Amino acid sequence: MSTHDLTPPPGVVVIFSDIWCSFAHVTVHRLHKARRELGLEDRVSFDHRAFPLELLNKAPSPRTGTDSEVGRTASLEPDAGWQLWQDKDWLYPSSTLLALEAVQAAKEQGFAASEQLDLALRRAFWAESRSIANYHVILDVAERTGAVDVTALAEALDDGRARRALSAQAAISATETVNCSPHLFLPDGTDYANPGIEVSWVGDYGVGWPVISRDEPEAVPELVKRAAA
């Protein structure tokens, strides 16, 4: 996909996001839930693309930032799985690039494998305080999905075959085409940044906190239905 053509084929939703973005965690949870409840699991796939915040911001995402989001963002979708970071401070992941690369590498096994790995990595970080920057943690999370060939994934990570795709997606994310994490693109040519949610910040990121002025969870099922159509 070029920066000028992000329209996916029928039955596919393209999702630009980062794993340690709390609003992406909400939207991805809602996408899976809506697809399941609508009975569209055989008709709609999620094509995850990287919106690597650490590259765009030229710095790792601070723990103070993600911790500040949990209390407010978790209230939107408690079932997505949340907690303040519980493990040792030095195990907090300073990067999500390898995890994002793993999701791209899993696409070799099909969208279903990459979808489940993406979802499991988000939950591992947000709900289980796992250090998803670590190679072995990523493979363990992949094993627990039951949907990923872990040997094939390890081979792909070892030779870096998905790194070029990650870099290309990062370049697109740096343009005005993709506004934030998450940003969805549909087969009908429309796109939606942080669908159904309006948010602002009090103070700087990592110091202040998010203020959510609008939340319309029903927006996401409508997008899933449109992708299926």
Foldseek 3Di string as FASTA:
>chain_A
DALVDPADAFQEKEKEAFLLDLLLLVLLVLLVVLCVVVVNPVRHFYHYAYQWPCVLVVFFADLLQSQQEQVPSCVQPVVSAADRQDDDPVLAARGCLLLNLLLQQQCVVPRVLSSLLSSLLSNCVGHVNGNNVDPVVSLVSSVVSVRGPSVSSVVCSVVVPSVVRNVNRNVSSNDPSNDHGTKMHANVGDIDDSPFWDWDWDDDRSPTHIDTPTHDSVRSSVRSVRSSD
